[in-house]
Amino acid sequence: MSEFTLEDRGNGQFALSGRMSFDTAGQILAKSEELFEEHTLLEVDLSGVTYTDSAGLALMLEWITWANHTVREIRFEGTPEKIDAIAKTTEVDGLLKRGERWVGFIEAPAEE
């Protein structure tokens, strides 16, 4: 039995569950490369992650770097509290939003 599942929910939406750790990060990255390639807008739900460590944060930063280099947008939902804590401690919490290229790009209503 695998220690993680990366589910393709369609339309660029994915859900990761299980362990996101030193033991699984490389495998998750390899699987995500084939699944993510055809999408320009991606959303990864991490609410099913049951265990994570700093390798989980490194994996997320790798996805963000890939998204930035390939002109894609990646968003994360349900980020584990431990990832947020590690990101704040290491002062990279701002980087977790860098994959969201077009966030906030909403046409402002015309003034009357």
C-alpha atoms as a PDB file:
ATOM      1  CA  MET A   1       0.000   0.000   0.000  1.00  0.00           C
ATOM      2  CA  SER A   2       1.308   3.423  -0.973  1.00  0.00           C
ATOM      3  CA  GLU A   3       2.030   5.999   1.704  1.00  0.00           C
ATOM      4  CA  PHE A   4       0.352   8.711  -0.380  1.00  0.00           C
ATOM      5  CA  THR A   5      -2.256   9.188  -3.078  1.00  0.00           C
ATOM      6  CA  LEU A   6      -2.220  11.951  -5.668  1.00  0.00           C
ATOM      7  CA  GLU A   7      -5.696  12.000  -7.137  1.00  0.00           C
ATOM      8  CA  ASP A   8      -6.555  13.743 -10.412  1.00  0.00           C
ATOM      9  CA  ARG A   9     -10.004  15.272  -9.886  1.00  0.00           C
ATOM     10  CA  GLY A  10     -10.101  16.745 -13.396  1.00  0.00           C
ATOM     11  CA  ASN A  11      -9.779  20.276 -14.766  1.00  0.00           C
ATOM     12  CA  GLY A  12      -6.388  20.823 -13.124  1.00  0.00           C
ATOM     13  CA  GLN A  13      -7.634  19.932  -9.645  1.00  0.00           C
ATOM     14  CA  PHE A  14      -5.655  17.426  -7.613  1.00  0.00           C
ATOM     15  CA  ALA A  15      -5.813  16.051  -4.084  1.00  0.00           C
ATOM     16  CA  LEU A  16      -2.831  14.754  -2.161  1.00  0.00           C
ATOM     17  CA  SER A  17      -3.464  12.523   0.823  1.00  0.00           C
ATOM     18  CA  GLY A  18      -1.280  10.475   3.135  1.00  0.00           C
ATOM     19  CA  ARG A  19       2.361  11.273   3.893  1.00  0.00           C
ATOM     20  CA  MET A  20       4.206  14.243   2.377  1.00  0.00           C
ATOM     21  CA  SER A  21       7.653  13.615   3.837  1.00  0.00           C
ATOM     22  CA  PHE A  22      11.292  12.777   3.171  1.00  0.00           C
ATOM     23  CA  ASP A  23      10.187   9.219   2.381  1.00  0.00           C
ATOM     24  CA  THR A  24       7.581  10.212  -0.215  1.00  0.00           C
ATOM     25  CA  ALA A  25       8.445  13.659  -1.619  1.00  0.00           C
ATOM     26  CA  GLY A  26      10.505  12.309  -4.533  1.00  0.00           C
ATOM     27  CA  GLN A  27       7.772   9.859  -5.494  1.00  0.00           C
ATOM     28  CA  ILE A  28       5.086  12.537  -5.250  1.00  0.00           C
ATOM     29  CA  LEU A  29       7.159  14.873  -7.421  1.00  0.00           C
ATOM     30  CA  ALA A  30       7.658  12.179 -10.073  1.00  0.00           C
ATOM     31  CA  LYS A  31       3.944  11.371 -10.152  1.00  0.00           C
ATOM     32  CA  SER A  32       2.958  15.046 -10.233  1.00  0.00           C
ATOM     33  CA  GLU A  33       5.215  15.748 -13.219  1.00  0.00           C
ATOM     34  CA  GLU A  34       3.156  13.476 -15.452  1.00  0.00           C
ATOM     35  CA  LEU A  35      -0.194  14.610 -14.035  1.00  0.00           C
ATOM     36  CA  PHE A  36       0.466  18.379 -13.958  1.00  0.00           C
ATOM     37  CA  GLU A  37       2.127  18.730 -17.374  1.00  0.00           C
ATOM     38  CA  GLU A  38      -1.024  19.276 -19.449  1.00  0.00           C
ATOM     39  CA  HIS A  39      -2.497  21.987 -17.203  1.00  0.00           C
ATOM     40  CA  THR A  40      -1.792  25.714 -16.959  1.00  0.00           C
ATOM     41  CA  LEU A  41      -3.990  26.324 -13.909  1.00  0.00           C
ATOM     42  CA  LEU A  42      -3.579  23.864 -11.051  1.00  0.00           C
ATOM     43  CA  GLU A  43      -5.108  23.536  -7.626  1.00  0.00           C
ATOM     44  CA  VAL A  44      -3.700  21.044  -5.138  1.00  0.00           C
ATOM     45  CA  ASP A  45      -5.821  20.144  -2.113  1.00  0.00           C
ATOM     46  CA  LEU A  46      -3.543  19.122   0.758  1.00  0.00           C
ATOM     47  CA  SER A  47      -6.267  18.693   3.379  1.00  0.00           C
ATOM     48  CA  GLY A  48      -5.853  14.902   3.231  1.00  0.00           C
ATOM     49  CA  VAL A  49      -2.171  15.005   4.194  1.00  0.00           C
ATOM     50  CA  THR A  50      -1.832  13.061   7.433  1.00  0.00           C
ATOM     51  CA  TYR A  51       1.884  13.674   8.078  1.00  0.00           C
ATOM     52  CA  THR A  52       4.393  16.156   6.747  1.00  0.00           C
ATOM     53  CA  ASP A  53       7.836  17.545   7.481  1.00  0.00           C
ATOM     54  CA  SER A  54      10.184  20.042   5.864  1.00  0.00           C
ATOM     55  CA  ALA A  55      10.374  17.874   2.743  1.00  0.00           C
ATOM     56  CA  GLY A  56       6.681  18.644   2.236  1.00  0.00           C
ATOM     57  CA  LEU A  57       7.495  22.340   2.176  1.00  0.00           C
ATOM     58  CA  ALA A  58      10.395  21.687  -0.202  1.00  0.00           C
ATOM     59  CA  LEU A  59       8.017  19.797  -2.502  1.00  0.00           C
ATOM     60  CA  MET A  60       5.564  22.700  -2.533  1.00  0.00           C
ATOM     61  CA  LEU A  61       8.392  25.143  -3.304  1.00  0.00           C
ATOM     62  CA  GLU A  62       9.540  22.878  -6.136  1.00  0.00           C
ATOM     63  CA  TRP A  63       6.020  22.916  -7.606  1.00  0.00           C
ATOM     64  CA  ILE A  64       5.961  26.725  -7.333  1.00  0.00           C
ATOM     65  CA  THR A  65       9.350  27.037  -9.037  1.00  0.00           C
ATOM     66  CA  TRP A  66       8.169  24.750 -11.838  1.00  0.00           C
ATOM     67  CA  ALA A  67       4.942  26.764 -12.220  1.00  0.00           C
ATOM     68  CA  ASN A  68       6.855  30.054 -12.403  1.00  0.00           C
ATOM     69  CA  HIS A  69       9.341  28.729 -14.957  1.00  0.00           C
ATOM     70  CA  THR A  70       6.633  27.245 -17.179  1.00  0.00           C
ATOM     71  CA  VAL A  71       4.143  30.152 -16.924  1.00  0.00           C
ATOM     72  CA  ARG A  72       1.556  28.249 -14.927  1.00  0.00           C
ATOM     73  CA  GLU A  73      -0.484  29.037 -11.860  1.00  0.00           C
ATOM     74  CA  ILE A  74      -0.579  26.691  -8.891  1.00  0.00           C
ATOM     75  CA  ARG A  75      -2.668  27.165  -5.780  1.00  0.00           C
ATOM     76  CA  PHE A  76      -2.776  25.160  -2.597  1.00  0.00           C
ATOM     77  CA  GLU A  77      -5.840  24.463  -0.485  1.00  0.00           C
ATOM     78  CA  GLY A  78      -5.828  22.928   2.979  1.00  0.00           C
ATOM     79  CA  THR A  79      -2.129  23.461   3.567  1.00  0.00           C
ATOM     80  CA  PRO A  80      -1.150  21.559   6.728  1.00  0.00           C
ATOM     81  CA  GLU A  81      -0.487  23.749   9.771  1.00  0.00           C
ATOM     82  CA  LYS A  82       2.962  22.187  10.144  1.00  0.00           C
ATOM     83  CA  ILE A  83       3.921  23.404   6.646  1.00  0.00           C
ATOM     84  CA  ASP A  84       2.699  26.908   7.480  1.00  0.00           C
ATOM     85  CA  ALA A  85       4.710  26.845  10.719  1.00  0.00           C
ATOM     86  CA  ILE A  86       7.903  25.651   9.018  1.00  0.00           C
ATOM     87  CA  ALA A  87       7.439  28.226   6.247  1.00  0.00           C
ATOM     88  CA  LYS A  88       7.049  31.058   8.773  1.00  0.00           C
ATOM     89  CA  THR A  89      10.022  29.872  10.848  1.00  0.00           C
ATOM     90  CA  THR A  90      12.242  29.716   7.771  1.00  0.00           C
ATOM     91  CA  GLU A  91      10.785  32.975   6.412  1.00  0.00           C
ATOM     92  CA  VAL A  92       9.599  31.463   3.125  1.00  0.00           C
ATOM     93  CA  ASP A  93       5.861  31.764   3.818  1.00  0.00           C
ATOM     94  CA  GLY A  94       5.579  34.513   1.186  1.00  0.00           C
ATOM     95  CA  LEU A  95       6.951  32.113  -1.424  1.00  0.00           C
ATOM     96  CA  LEU A  96       3.967  29.788  -1.001  1.00  0.00           C
ATOM     97  CA  LYS A  97       1.873  32.329  -2.929  1.00  0.00           C
ATOM     98  CA  ARG A  98       4.383  32.865  -5.741  1.00  0.00           C
ATOM     99  CA  GLY A  99       2.852  30.139  -7.881  1.00  0.00           C
ATOM    100  CA  GLU A 100      -0.368  32.132  -8.016  1.00  0.00           C
ATOM    101  CA  ARG A 101       0.542  34.319 -10.978  1.00  0.00           C
ATOM    102  CA  TRP A 102      -2.861  35.774 -11.691  1.00  0.00           C
ATOM    103  CA  VAL A 103      -4.416  35.950  -8.245  1.00  0.00           C
ATOM    104  CA  GLY A 104      -6.065  39.298  -7.760  1.00  0.00           C
ATOM    105  CA  PHE A 105      -6.245  39.938 -11.500  1.00  0.00           C
ATOM    106  CA  ILE A 106      -9.916  40.714 -11.557  1.00  0.00           C
ATOM    107  CA  GLU A 107     -11.199  43.445 -13.752  1.00  0.00           C
ATOM    108  CA  ALA A 108     -12.209  46.354 -11.559  1.00  0.00           C
ATOM    109  CA  PRO A 109     -15.752  47.603 -12.039  1.00  0.00           C
ATOM    110  CA  ALA A 110     -16.017  50.744 -14.112  1.00  0.00           C
ATOM    111  CA  GLU A 111     -16.505  53.878 -12.100  1.00  0.00           C
ATOM    112  CA  GLU A 112     -19.682  55.767 -12.808  1.00  0.00           C
END
